[in-house]
């Protein structure tokens, strides 16, 4: 996991990551961040530009905190799904709490393509992802 990773979902053979383009963030407008979705899954290796806001980072933090709490309580994946960042503006991830966990990378705006990546995530993945995201947000001056 790199210092610029917003979030990375990975098992031994596949991964989907959101990586900041620039540690300074900001993008062309204050509160926006330029990033990319990196997909490595079997025969697919792709990169897709992504823009998201400070509020989107807060939403991802909330989702990861809820997943971490569910894992801590021993709750089985319930099949629920959440879109991040919010669907409709650009490419986005659909995070499906299933067994295996599924990350769908959806690009309705540019290509119309969806890539579905099933991942066998290790126990405690959500808590680790939340800790890394909290560090990144602090570095960006976001805080929680």
Protein backbone atom coordinates (compact mmCIF):
# COMPACT_ATOMS: atom_id res chain seq x y z
CA UNK A 1 0.00 0.00 0.00
CA UNK A 2 1.48 3.31 -1.08
CA UNK A 3 1.31 6.64 0.70
CA UNK A 4 -1.10 7.98 -1.92
CA UNK A 5 -3.54 5.07 -1.75
CA UNK A 6 -7.01 6.22 -0.72
CA UNK A 7 -8.19 2.63 -0.42
CA UNK A 8 -6.93 -0.71 -1.72
CA UNK A 9 -8.92 -3.92 -1.89
CA UNK A 10 -6.61 -6.87 -2.58
CA UNK A 11 -6.18 -10.56 -2.21
CA UNK A 12 -3.29 -12.74 -3.42
CA UNK A 13 -4.15 -12.46 -7.11
CA UNK A 14 -6.34 -9.38 -7.70
CA UNK A 15 -6.67 -5.81 -6.55
CA UNK A 16 -8.60 -2.59 -6.99
CA UNK A 17 -7.07 0.60 -5.62
CA UNK A 18 -7.87 4.31 -5.64
CA UNK A 19 -4.63 6.27 -5.77
CA UNK A 20 -4.24 10.05 -5.47
CA UNK A 21 -2.48 11.71 -8.38
CA UNK A 22 -0.85 14.30 -6.13
CA UNK A 23 -0.26 14.29 -2.39
CA UNK A 24 -1.19 17.97 -2.29
CA UNK A 25 -4.71 17.15 -3.46
CA UNK A 26 -6.84 20.14 -4.32
CA UNK A 27 -7.24 19.47 -8.00
CA UNK A 28 -8.55 22.35 -10.11
CA UNK A 29 -11.08 23.30 -7.40
CA UNK A 30 -10.64 23.43 -3.65
CA UNK A 31 -12.05 20.36 -1.95
CA UNK A 32 -11.69 18.15 -5.06
CA UNK A 33 -9.08 15.43 -5.51
CA UNK A 34 -7.65 13.95 -8.70
CA UNK A 35 -7.04 10.22 -8.49
CA UNK A 36 -7.20 7.03 -10.47
CA UNK A 37 -8.72 3.61 -10.07
CA UNK A 38 -6.12 0.90 -10.67
CA UNK A 39 -7.46 -2.56 -11.48
CA UNK A 40 -5.37 -5.73 -11.61
CA UNK A 41 -7.50 -8.82 -12.06
CA UNK A 42 -6.42 -11.85 -14.05
CA UNK A 43 -6.45 -10.75 -17.67
CA UNK A 44 -7.50 -7.16 -16.88
CA UNK A 45 -5.06 -4.44 -16.00
CA UNK A 46 -6.59 -1.00 -16.25
CA UNK A 47 -6.45 2.58 -15.02
CA UNK A 48 -9.41 4.93 -14.89
CA UNK A 49 -9.28 8.63 -13.89
CA UNK A 50 -11.43 9.60 -10.91
CA UNK A 51 -12.36 12.85 -9.17
CA UNK A 52 -13.88 13.01 -5.72
CA UNK A 53 -14.53 15.53 -2.97
CA UNK A 54 -13.63 15.87 0.69
CA UNK A 55 -17.22 14.85 1.45
CA UNK A 56 -16.70 11.66 -0.58
CA UNK A 57 -13.69 10.84 1.61
CA UNK A 58 -15.89 11.30 4.67
CA UNK A 59 -18.47 8.94 3.14
CA UNK A 60 -15.81 6.29 2.50
CA UNK A 61 -14.60 6.67 6.07
CA UNK A 62 -18.14 6.05 7.33
CA UNK A 63 -18.55 2.96 5.14
CA UNK A 64 -15.22 1.48 6.26
CA UNK A 65 -16.06 2.21 9.91
CA UNK A 66 -19.39 0.39 9.55
CA UNK A 67 -17.70 -2.61 7.85
CA UNK A 68 -15.00 -2.69 10.55
CA UNK A 69 -17.66 -2.66 13.29
CA UNK A 70 -19.59 -5.47 11.56
CA UNK A 71 -16.39 -7.54 11.29
CA UNK A 72 -15.60 -6.87 14.94
CA UNK A 73 -19.07 -8.08 15.91
CA UNK A 74 -18.58 -11.22 13.83
CA UNK A 75 -21.45 -10.35 11.48
CA UNK A 76 -21.49 -12.25 8.21
CA UNK A 77 -21.46 -10.23 5.00
CA UNK A 78 -25.06 -9.23 4.31
CA UNK A 79 -24.89 -8.66 0.57
CA UNK A 80 -25.38 -4.91 0.93
CA UNK A 81 -23.75 -2.59 -1.58
CA UNK A 82 -22.58 1.00 -1.46
CA UNK A 83 -21.40 3.22 -4.31
CA UNK A 84 -18.28 5.33 -3.83
CA UNK A 85 -18.01 8.07 -4.75
CA UNK A 86 -21.70 8.67 -5.25
CA UNK A 87 -22.86 7.19 -8.57
CA UNK A 88 -23.73 9.43 -11.47
CA UNK A 89 -20.93 12.02 -11.54
CA UNK A 90 -18.11 9.90 -12.92
CA UNK A 91 -16.59 6.47 -12.61
CA UNK A 92 -17.21 4.88 -9.23
CA UNK A 93 -16.80 1.74 -7.15
CA UNK A 94 -19.72 -0.42 -6.07
CA UNK A 95 -18.60 -2.18 -2.88
CA UNK A 96 -20.59 -5.37 -2.29
CA UNK A 97 -20.37 -6.92 1.18
CA UNK A 98 -20.59 -10.55 0.13
CA UNK A 99 -18.47 -13.67 0.42
CA UNK A 100 -16.31 -13.10 -1.48
CA UNK A 101 -16.28 -9.31 -1.25
CA UNK A 102 -16.90 -7.83 -4.70
CA UNK A 103 -15.65 -4.50 -6.02
CA UNK A 104 -17.36 -3.40 -9.21
CA UNK A 105 -15.62 -0.62 -11.10
CA UNK A 106 -18.30 1.19 -13.06
CA UNK A 107 -17.70 3.79 -15.74
CA UNK A 108 -21.10 4.86 -17.05
CA UNK A 109 -19.89 8.29 -18.20
CA UNK A 110 -16.94 7.50 -20.48
CA UNK A 111 -16.83 3.86 -21.59
CA UNK A 112 -19.99 2.29 -20.24
CA UNK A 113 -17.85 -0.62 -18.99
CA UNK A 114 -18.21 -2.40 -15.64
CA UNK A 115 -15.50 -4.69 -14.26
CA UNK A 116 -16.43 -6.99 -11.37
CA UNK A 117 -13.57 -8.13 -9.13
CA UNK A 118 -14.34 -10.77 -6.46
CA UNK A 119 -11.81 -10.61 -3.63
CA UNK A 120 -11.07 -12.93 -0.73
CA UNK A 121 -10.14 -10.25 1.81
CA UNK A 122 -8.35 -11.16 5.03
CA UNK A 123 -10.04 -10.73 8.38
CA UNK A 124 -9.64 -7.20 9.70
CA UNK A 125 -9.29 -5.65 6.25
CA UNK A 126 -11.83 -2.89 6.93
CA UNK A 127 -10.16 -1.74 10.16
CA UNK A 128 -6.76 -1.62 8.43
CA UNK A 129 -8.22 0.30 5.47
CA UNK A 130 -9.91 2.74 7.86
CA UNK A 131 -6.64 3.40 9.71
CA UNK A 132 -4.81 4.10 6.44
CA UNK A 133 -7.61 6.36 5.19
CA UNK A 134 -7.61 8.30 8.47
CA UNK A 135 -3.85 8.88 8.09
CA UNK A 136 -4.29 10.05 4.51
CA UNK A 137 -7.12 12.42 5.43
CA UNK A 138 -5.02 13.88 8.25
CA UNK A 139 -2.16 14.40 5.80
CA UNK A 140 -4.56 16.18 3.43
CA UNK A 141 -5.69 18.42 6.29
CA UNK A 142 -9.12 16.83 6.42
CA UNK A 143 -9.31 15.26 9.84
CA UNK A 144 -12.44 13.47 10.97
